[in-house]
Protein backbone atom coordinates (compact mmCIF):
# COMPACT_ATOMS: atom_id res chain seq x y z
CA MET A 1 169.15 200.92 127.35
CA SER A 2 167.97 199.84 130.82
CA ALA A 3 164.39 198.96 131.78
CA ARG A 4 164.28 202.12 133.87
CA GLU A 5 164.89 204.21 130.74
CA ARG A 6 162.04 202.45 128.91
CA PRO A 7 159.79 201.49 131.84
CA GLN A 8 157.01 198.98 131.32
CA LEU A 9 154.07 198.42 133.65
CA ARG A 10 153.57 194.78 134.46
CA PRO A 11 150.41 192.79 133.67
CA HIS A 12 147.46 192.47 136.02
CA LEU A 13 147.45 196.01 137.41
CA ALA A 14 144.21 197.95 137.89
CA ALA A 15 143.54 201.65 138.37
CA THR A 16 140.59 202.88 140.39
CA PRO A 17 139.56 206.56 140.20
CA GLU A 18 139.30 208.47 143.47
CA SER A 19 136.48 210.88 144.24
CA ARG A 20 138.98 213.61 145.12
CA GLY A 21 140.80 213.17 141.80
CA GLY A 22 143.58 210.93 140.66
CA TYR A 23 143.79 207.16 140.74
CA VAL A 24 144.83 204.30 142.97
CA ILE A 25 146.91 201.60 141.25
CA TRP A 26 146.72 198.12 142.72
CA ASP A 27 147.67 194.54 141.96
CA GLN A 28 144.81 192.34 140.78
CA LEU A 29 146.89 189.21 141.43
CA ARG A 30 147.48 190.31 145.04
CA LEU A 31 151.12 189.40 144.80
CA VAL A 32 151.67 192.62 146.72
CA GLU A 33 149.24 194.47 148.95
CA ARG A 34 150.70 197.93 148.33
CA ARG A 35 148.55 200.56 146.60
CA LEU A 36 150.01 203.57 144.83
CA ARG A 37 148.18 206.88 144.48
CA VAL A 38 148.91 208.89 141.35
CA THR A 39 147.62 212.20 140.03
CA MET A 40 145.76 212.65 136.74
CA ARG A 41 148.97 214.01 135.15
CA GLU A 42 150.95 211.00 136.36
CA MET A 43 148.26 208.70 135.00
CA ASN A 44 148.69 210.27 131.57
CA TRP A 45 152.41 209.55 131.74
CA LEU A 46 151.81 205.97 132.87
CA ARG A 47 149.77 205.22 129.75
CA LEU A 48 153.09 205.35 127.89
CA PHE A 49 155.01 203.10 130.30
CA ASP A 50 154.92 200.29 127.73
CA GLY A 51 158.60 199.40 127.37
CA GLN A 52 158.84 201.33 124.10
CA HIS A 53 158.92 204.96 125.22
CA THR A 54 161.88 206.78 126.75
CA PHE A 55 161.68 209.74 129.09
CA GLY A 56 162.03 212.09 126.11
CA ASP A 57 159.27 210.29 124.17
CA ILE A 58 156.86 210.49 127.11
CA GLN A 59 157.69 214.13 127.73
CA ALA A 60 157.11 215.03 124.08
CA GLU A 61 153.84 213.08 123.71
CA THR A 62 152.18 214.18 126.94
CA HIS A 63 153.10 217.85 127.25
CA PRO A 64 150.72 219.10 124.51
CA ARG A 65 147.79 217.45 126.34
CA ASN A 66 148.69 218.75 129.83
CA ASP A 67 147.86 222.08 131.37
CA GLY A 68 150.82 221.93 133.75
CA PRO A 69 154.56 221.93 133.15
CA PRO A 70 156.13 219.14 131.08
CA LEU A 71 157.34 215.92 132.67
CA SER A 72 160.68 216.61 134.33
CA LEU A 73 163.50 214.09 134.64
CA GLU A 74 163.17 214.35 138.42
CA ASP A 75 159.45 213.49 138.33
CA PHE A 76 160.07 210.68 135.85
CA THR A 77 162.80 209.15 138.02
CA ARG A 78 160.70 209.47 141.17
CA LEU A 79 157.67 207.82 139.54
CA VAL A 80 159.76 204.95 138.13
CA GLN A 81 161.28 204.38 141.57
CA GLN A 82 157.84 204.31 143.25
CA LEU A 83 156.58 201.78 140.71
CA ASP A 84 159.67 199.63 141.10
CA ASP A 85 159.43 199.69 144.89
CA ALA A 86 155.76 198.62 144.64
CA LEU A 87 156.63 195.76 142.25
CA PHE A 88 154.48 197.36 139.55
CA LEU A 89 157.11 197.31 136.79
CA ASP A 90 157.66 194.35 134.48
CA GLY A 91 161.12 193.00 135.08
CA PRO A 92 163.20 190.40 136.92
CA ARG A 93 161.79 191.18 140.39
CA PHE A 94 158.18 190.81 139.26
CA ARG A 95 158.87 187.69 137.19
CA SER A 96 160.71 186.10 140.10
CA ARG A 97 157.75 186.73 142.40
CA LEU A 98 155.38 185.35 139.75
CA ARG A 99 157.47 182.17 139.40
CA GLU A 100 157.37 181.64 143.15
CA HIS A 101 153.58 181.41 143.01
CA SER A 102 153.47 179.52 139.71
CA ASP A 103 155.86 176.83 140.93
CA ASN A 104 154.28 176.51 144.36
CA PRO A 105 151.89 173.50 144.53
CA ILE A 106 150.00 175.36 147.27
CA ARG A 107 147.66 178.22 146.50
CA LEU A 108 148.16 180.69 149.35
CA PRO A 109 145.18 182.52 150.90
CA SER A 110 144.23 185.88 149.41
CA CYS A 111 141.17 186.72 151.54
CA ILE A 112 142.76 187.32 154.93
CA GLY A 113 140.75 190.26 156.18
CA CYS A 114 137.42 188.69 155.27
CA TYR A 115 138.41 186.23 157.97
CA GLY A 116 141.28 186.45 160.43
CA ASP A 117 144.69 184.83 160.35
CA ASP A 118 144.22 183.06 163.70
CA PRO A 119 142.54 179.61 163.48
CA ALA A 120 140.76 179.96 166.83
CA ALA A 121 139.37 183.36 165.81
CA ILE A 122 138.11 181.93 162.51
CA ARG A 123 136.31 179.11 164.29
CA ARG A 124 134.67 181.60 166.66
CA GLN A 125 133.68 183.81 163.72
CA LEU A 126 132.03 180.98 161.79
CA ALA A 127 130.40 179.47 164.89
CA HIS A 128 128.84 182.86 165.52
CA LEU A 129 127.34 182.92 162.02
CA PHE A 130 125.49 179.67 162.72
CA ALA A 131 124.37 180.56 166.24
CA ASP A 132 123.68 184.28 165.78
CA ARG A 133 120.19 185.71 165.60
CA GLY A 134 118.87 184.95 162.13
CA GLY A 135 121.27 182.04 161.69
CA PRO A 136 120.18 178.42 161.27
CA GLY A 137 121.63 177.16 164.54
CA ARG A 138 124.69 174.99 164.96
CA PRO A 139 125.01 171.97 162.63
CA GLY A 140 123.38 168.89 164.11
CA PRO A 141 124.11 165.17 163.71
CA ARG A 142 124.89 164.04 160.20
CA ARG A 143 122.15 162.10 158.43
CA PRO A 144 123.68 161.31 155.02
CA ASP A 145 121.26 161.24 152.13
CA GLU A 146 122.60 160.09 148.76
CA ARG A 147 119.93 162.14 147.01
CA PHE A 148 121.63 165.35 148.18
CA ARG A 149 123.68 166.64 145.24
CA ALA A 150 124.50 170.34 145.35
CA ALA A 151 124.29 173.62 147.22
CA LEU A 152 124.15 177.19 145.96
CA LEU A 153 126.10 179.43 148.35
CA PRO A 154 127.18 183.07 148.36
CA HIS A 155 130.73 184.22 147.85
CA ILE A 156 130.27 187.72 149.23
CA ASP A 157 132.41 188.49 152.29
CA TYR A 158 131.39 186.88 155.58
CA ALA A 159 130.53 190.19 157.25
CA ARG A 160 127.71 190.80 154.77
CA GLY A 161 126.63 187.31 153.74
CA GLY A 162 127.71 185.10 156.61
CA ARG A 163 124.29 184.02 157.85
CA THR A 164 123.30 182.96 154.34
CA TYR A 165 126.45 180.86 154.07
CA ALA A 166 125.57 179.24 157.39
CA TRP A 167 122.08 178.19 156.26
CA GLY A 168 123.45 176.40 153.22
CA PHE A 169 126.47 174.84 154.89
CA LYS A 170 124.41 173.51 157.79
CA GLU A 171 122.18 171.58 155.40
CA LEU A 172 125.15 170.45 153.34
CA PHE A 173 127.06 169.15 156.38
CA GLU A 174 124.07 167.31 157.82
CA ARG A 175 122.97 165.68 154.57
CA THR A 176 125.78 165.03 152.12
CA PRO A 177 127.63 161.70 152.32
CA ALA A 178 130.41 163.13 150.12
CA THR A 179 133.99 163.99 150.99
CA LEU A 180 134.70 165.13 147.42
CA PHE A 181 133.51 168.69 146.79
CA VAL A 182 133.51 170.08 143.26
CA ILE A 183 133.47 173.85 143.86
CA ILE A 184 132.38 175.77 140.77
CA GLY A 185 132.58 179.51 141.29
CA THR A 186 132.33 182.80 139.46
CA SER A 187 135.58 183.91 137.83
CA HIS A 188 136.13 187.62 138.54
CA TYR A 189 139.67 188.16 137.20
CA SER A 190 140.08 186.21 133.96
CA TYR A 191 138.54 186.41 130.50
CA GLN A 192 138.81 182.64 130.06
CA ARG A 193 135.52 180.76 130.17
CA PHE A 194 136.76 177.90 132.35
CA THR A 195 139.88 177.67 134.49
CA LEU A 196 141.07 174.84 136.71
CA THR A 197 143.99 174.67 139.09
CA ARG A 198 145.81 171.66 140.48
CA LYS A 199 147.06 173.66 143.45
CA HIS A 200 145.99 172.70 146.94
CA PHE A 201 144.30 175.49 148.90
CA GLN A 202 145.91 176.76 152.08
CA THR A 203 144.10 178.80 154.72
CA PRO A 204 144.90 179.34 158.41
CA LEU A 205 142.79 176.21 159.07
CA GLY A 206 145.09 173.98 157.04
CA VAL A 207 145.55 172.77 153.46
CA ALA A 208 142.60 171.45 151.45
CA GLN A 209 143.80 168.81 149.00
CA THR A 210 142.78 169.12 145.36
CA ASP A 211 141.67 165.84 143.76
CA GLN A 212 144.11 165.23 140.90
CA THR A 213 142.28 162.15 139.57
CA TYR A 214 139.04 164.09 139.08
CA ILE A 215 140.95 166.89 137.35
CA ASP A 216 142.70 164.41 135.04
CA ARG A 217 139.32 163.02 134.03
CA LEU A 218 137.76 166.43 133.51
CA VAL A 219 140.66 167.56 131.30
CA ALA A 220 140.48 164.31 129.32
CA HIS A 221 136.80 164.85 128.55
CA TYR A 222 136.85 168.63 128.02
CA GLY A 223 140.13 169.13 126.17
CA ASP A 224 142.81 171.80 126.22
CA GLY A 225 142.67 175.31 127.60
CA LEU A 226 141.66 174.77 131.22
CA PHE A 227 144.97 176.10 132.61
CA ASP A 228 145.65 178.91 130.12
CA ASP A 229 145.15 181.72 132.65
CA GLU A 230 145.50 179.79 135.90
CA LEU A 231 147.33 182.35 138.03
CA ALA A 232 145.16 185.32 137.10
CA ALA A 233 141.98 183.28 137.50
CA HIS A 234 142.78 181.62 140.83
CA LEU A 235 145.46 183.54 142.72
CA PRO A 236 143.27 186.54 143.69
CA GLU A 237 139.91 184.75 143.43
CA HIS A 238 137.66 184.57 146.49
CA SER A 239 134.81 182.45 145.13
CA ILE A 240 136.63 179.18 145.87
CA GLU A 241 138.58 180.17 148.98
CA LEU A 242 135.59 181.39 151.00
CA GLU A 243 133.84 178.05 150.52
CA VAL A 244 136.99 176.11 151.46
CA VAL A 245 137.27 177.87 154.83
CA PHE A 246 133.74 176.75 155.75
CA LEU A 247 134.50 173.17 154.71
CA GLN A 248 137.64 173.16 156.83
CA TYR A 249 135.66 174.47 159.78
CA LEU A 250 132.95 171.81 159.39
CA TYR A 251 135.31 168.89 158.69
CA PRO A 252 138.28 169.45 161.05
CA ASP A 253 139.00 165.73 161.44
CA THR A 254 137.61 164.32 158.19
CA PRO A 255 139.88 164.34 155.13
CA PHE A 256 138.08 165.83 152.15
CA ARG A 257 139.17 166.86 148.65
CA ILE A 258 138.16 169.72 146.42
CA VAL A 259 138.04 170.46 142.70
CA PRO A 260 138.45 174.23 142.08
CA LEU A 261 136.83 175.35 138.81
CA VAL A 262 136.00 178.98 138.04
CA VAL A 263 133.65 180.06 135.26
CA GLY A 264 133.83 183.30 133.30
CA SER A 265 131.05 185.43 131.90
CA PHE A 266 128.11 184.14 129.83
CA HIS A 267 127.52 187.64 128.45
CA ASP A 268 127.84 186.41 124.86
CA CYS A 269 124.92 184.05 125.46
CA ILE A 270 122.82 186.88 126.90
CA THR A 271 123.47 189.32 124.05
CA ALA A 272 122.69 186.58 121.51
CA ASN A 273 119.72 185.40 123.61
CA ARG A 274 121.09 181.92 123.08
CA GLU A 275 120.92 179.06 125.59
CA PRO A 276 124.40 178.63 127.08
CA ILE A 277 124.41 174.87 126.43
CA ALA A 278 124.33 175.68 122.70
CA GLN A 279 127.79 177.28 122.98
CA ASP A 280 130.47 174.75 122.07
CA ASP A 281 132.71 175.26 125.11
CA ILE A 282 129.84 175.37 127.60
CA GLY A 283 128.23 172.31 126.08
CA ARG A 284 131.57 170.47 126.25
CA MET A 285 132.03 171.34 129.91
CA ILE A 286 128.53 170.16 130.79
CA ALA A 287 129.17 166.90 128.95
CA ALA A 288 132.57 166.57 130.66
CA LEU A 289 131.08 167.03 134.14
CA ARG A 290 128.48 164.38 133.39
CA ALA A 291 131.13 161.99 132.09
CA VAL A 292 133.38 162.40 135.13
CA GLU A 293 130.36 161.88 137.38
CA ARG A 294 129.78 158.49 135.71
CA GLU A 295 133.45 157.54 136.17
CA THR A 296 133.69 158.58 139.83
CA HIS A 297 132.69 155.77 142.12
CA GLU A 298 132.01 157.82 145.24
CA PRO A 299 129.49 160.51 146.18
CA ILE A 300 130.20 164.00 144.85
CA CYS A 301 128.82 167.20 146.35
CA TYR A 302 128.78 170.22 144.05
CA ILE A 303 129.11 173.69 145.53
CA ILE A 304 127.90 176.57 143.39
CA SER A 305 129.70 179.71 144.55
CA GLY A 306 127.74 182.65 143.20
CA ASP A 307 125.87 185.77 144.24
CA LEU A 308 122.79 187.36 142.68
CA ALA A 309 122.18 191.03 141.83
CA HIS A 310 124.74 193.86 141.93
CA ILE A 311 122.98 197.21 141.64
CA GLY A 312 123.72 200.86 142.38
CA PRO A 313 126.22 203.52 141.31
CA LYS A 314 129.19 201.40 142.41
CA PHE A 315 128.32 198.99 139.59
CA GLY A 316 127.55 201.68 137.01
CA ASP A 317 123.86 202.36 137.59
CA PRO A 318 122.87 206.03 137.32
CA GLN A 319 120.57 206.13 140.34
CA ALA A 320 121.17 205.44 144.01
CA VAL A 321 119.67 202.32 145.55
CA SER A 322 116.13 203.20 146.68
CA PRO A 323 113.38 201.19 148.41
CA SER A 324 111.47 200.84 145.14
CA LEU A 325 114.60 199.70 143.26
CA LEU A 326 115.36 197.18 146.00
CA ALA A 327 111.80 195.84 145.94
CA ARG A 328 111.93 195.44 142.15
CA SER A 329 115.30 193.69 142.34
CA ARG A 330 114.01 191.42 145.10
CA ARG A 331 111.04 190.38 142.93
CA GLN A 332 113.38 189.55 140.05
CA ASP A 333 115.68 187.60 142.37
CA HIS A 334 112.78 185.51 143.57
CA ALA A 335 111.71 184.87 139.98
CA LEU A 336 115.21 183.51 139.41
CA LEU A 337 115.18 181.40 142.55
CA HIS A 338 111.66 180.14 141.85
CA ALA A 339 112.95 178.72 138.56
CA LEU A 340 115.37 176.63 140.64
CA GLY A 341 113.08 175.52 143.46
CA GLU A 342 110.74 176.51 146.27
CA PRO A 343 111.29 178.03 149.73
CA ALA A 344 111.88 175.63 152.61
CA GLY A 345 108.64 174.62 154.27
CA THR A 346 106.58 174.74 151.07
CA LYS A 347 104.00 171.97 151.11
CA GLY A 348 104.11 169.32 148.43
CA ARG A 349 106.95 168.14 146.28
CA PRO A 350 109.21 170.99 145.11
CA PRO A 351 109.18 171.60 141.36
CA THR A 352 112.02 170.35 139.18
CA PRO A 353 114.61 173.11 138.66
CA ASP A 354 114.24 174.68 135.23
CA VAL A 355 117.61 176.12 134.30
CA ALA A 356 116.32 177.31 130.93
CA ASP A 357 113.72 179.41 132.73
CA TYR A 358 116.42 180.66 135.09
CA PHE A 359 118.49 181.80 132.10
CA ARG A 360 115.45 183.43 130.46
CA VAL A 361 114.91 185.63 133.53
CA VAL A 362 118.50 186.89 133.37
CA ALA A 363 118.52 187.28 129.58
CA GLY A 364 115.10 188.94 129.61
CA GLU A 365 116.50 191.89 131.54
CA GLY A 366 119.79 191.89 129.61
CA ASP A 367 121.58 190.97 132.83
CA ALA A 368 121.07 194.58 133.87
CA ARG A 369 121.43 193.54 137.53
CA ARG A 370 124.70 191.70 136.92
CA ILE A 371 123.84 188.22 138.22
CA CYS A 372 127.40 187.00 138.80
CA GLY A 373 126.21 183.55 139.87
CA LEU A 374 124.65 182.84 136.46
CA PRO A 375 127.61 180.91 134.95
CA PRO A 376 128.33 178.47 137.81
CA THR A 377 124.63 178.00 138.62
CA TYR A 378 123.65 177.25 135.04
CA LEU A 379 126.61 174.91 134.60
CA VAL A 380 125.93 172.77 137.67
CA ILE A 381 122.14 172.59 137.35
CA GLU A 382 122.32 171.69 133.65
CA ALA A 383 125.03 169.09 134.28
CA LEU A 384 123.21 167.46 137.22
CA ARG A 385 119.58 168.09 136.31
CA PRO A 386 118.44 167.63 139.93
CA SER A 387 114.82 166.72 140.55
CA SER A 388 114.20 169.31 143.28
CA GLY A 389 115.57 172.54 144.68
CA LYS A 390 114.91 174.21 148.03
CA LEU A 391 115.55 177.84 148.96
CA LEU A 392 116.90 178.11 152.51
CA HIS A 393 117.82 181.77 152.88
CA TYR A 394 117.84 184.99 150.87
CA ASP A 395 119.24 188.39 151.75
CA GLN A 396 120.20 191.77 150.33
CA TYR A 397 123.15 193.81 151.50
CA ILE A 398 122.37 197.53 151.22
CA HIS A 399 125.07 200.14 151.64
CA PRO A 400 123.96 202.90 154.05
CA ASN A 401 124.51 205.69 151.50
CA GLY A 402 122.68 203.85 148.71
CA ASP A 403 125.81 203.36 146.62
CA GLU A 404 125.33 199.62 146.19
CA SER A 405 123.29 196.54 146.95
CA VAL A 406 124.30 192.91 146.51
CA SER A 407 121.85 190.04 146.95
CA PHE A 408 122.57 186.37 147.56
CA ALA A 409 120.90 183.13 148.59
CA SER A 410 121.51 179.59 149.76
CA MET A 411 119.72 176.70 148.10
CA VAL A 412 120.14 172.94 148.11
CA PHE A 413 119.38 170.46 145.34
CA SER A 414 118.48 166.78 145.47
CA GLN A 415 118.05 164.00 142.95
């Protein structure tokens, strides 16, 4: 019996409900950009597109639960054809496309739209973020300082968080002596705790080379499992790519290398109210990062790619974003950031970042505000244990209809 007679949806599809009813099906891997709208009845049929059920099986199992007429052969054939055309069925066409990306040593860009596909337009866009009102000004002469170790940067889209990116990247460019950037970002698409990739990152500004020697060392110290879900974790992920574009803009003529590592949720630590370093895999990764640092005989700059709070109905909260809710979230954000350092311009020596206190703030509210930057921030600060942190810029994006707010910051850390 052919695959069309027992259709099977392929992995890595998502369905988003529409306000007017029905769902939109889309590809989390972004292998294809097409989106397919289906009705509630069609969605009920699709739940049985598992490679085991025939047309007759699906018709028999769904009709008792539907108010409308039973699934007809014509509707079944049409739906299968739409899914096949969209590359949403598991089969030779999908697996061929997946192999193309798996075998390619280059990770292709997935965030075109956040930035343009024309290099000159990208450079104008990023230059504007530095020079625009509220920005930090264009990067000045470099004054390398070996004490400079890391930067916390947003990974929200440039339209909403661009000025905050600019504040952090200006300081990074002017102060770091490094040309090796270990980018540790939030993992949004994989359930694995840690995922590396050896792929080089391509954007319209060129190809950023991934440092294979560093990766070899990290794997040697951490152990197996760092590539178990590589495509799902990295192919659609923006938390690495959006930092790479800024680096390419700032270093057009200076070869640099990256290490792309994404970090999954620490929710198990929060529910257990247990310090993340006490978890075996997290503790091993912290120890591995420290060990590779000792073995790497050149400066390393760590980039933490993570945002702060995600609040509002879009993220599951019952109430719309209000001024009082925003003010409360802002206070909690600053409690988090205060655990990591002080605002720029504060007199006296900044306090030593206290990552345990940072974690306690998040755990104390049960991560109710969904601090997506918790995993990469905790990992880097605990691995480095910098002696000081400085907050450069903080902002909140607020949707005009109150449906959502996302907050983010840029900070830098020195030894």
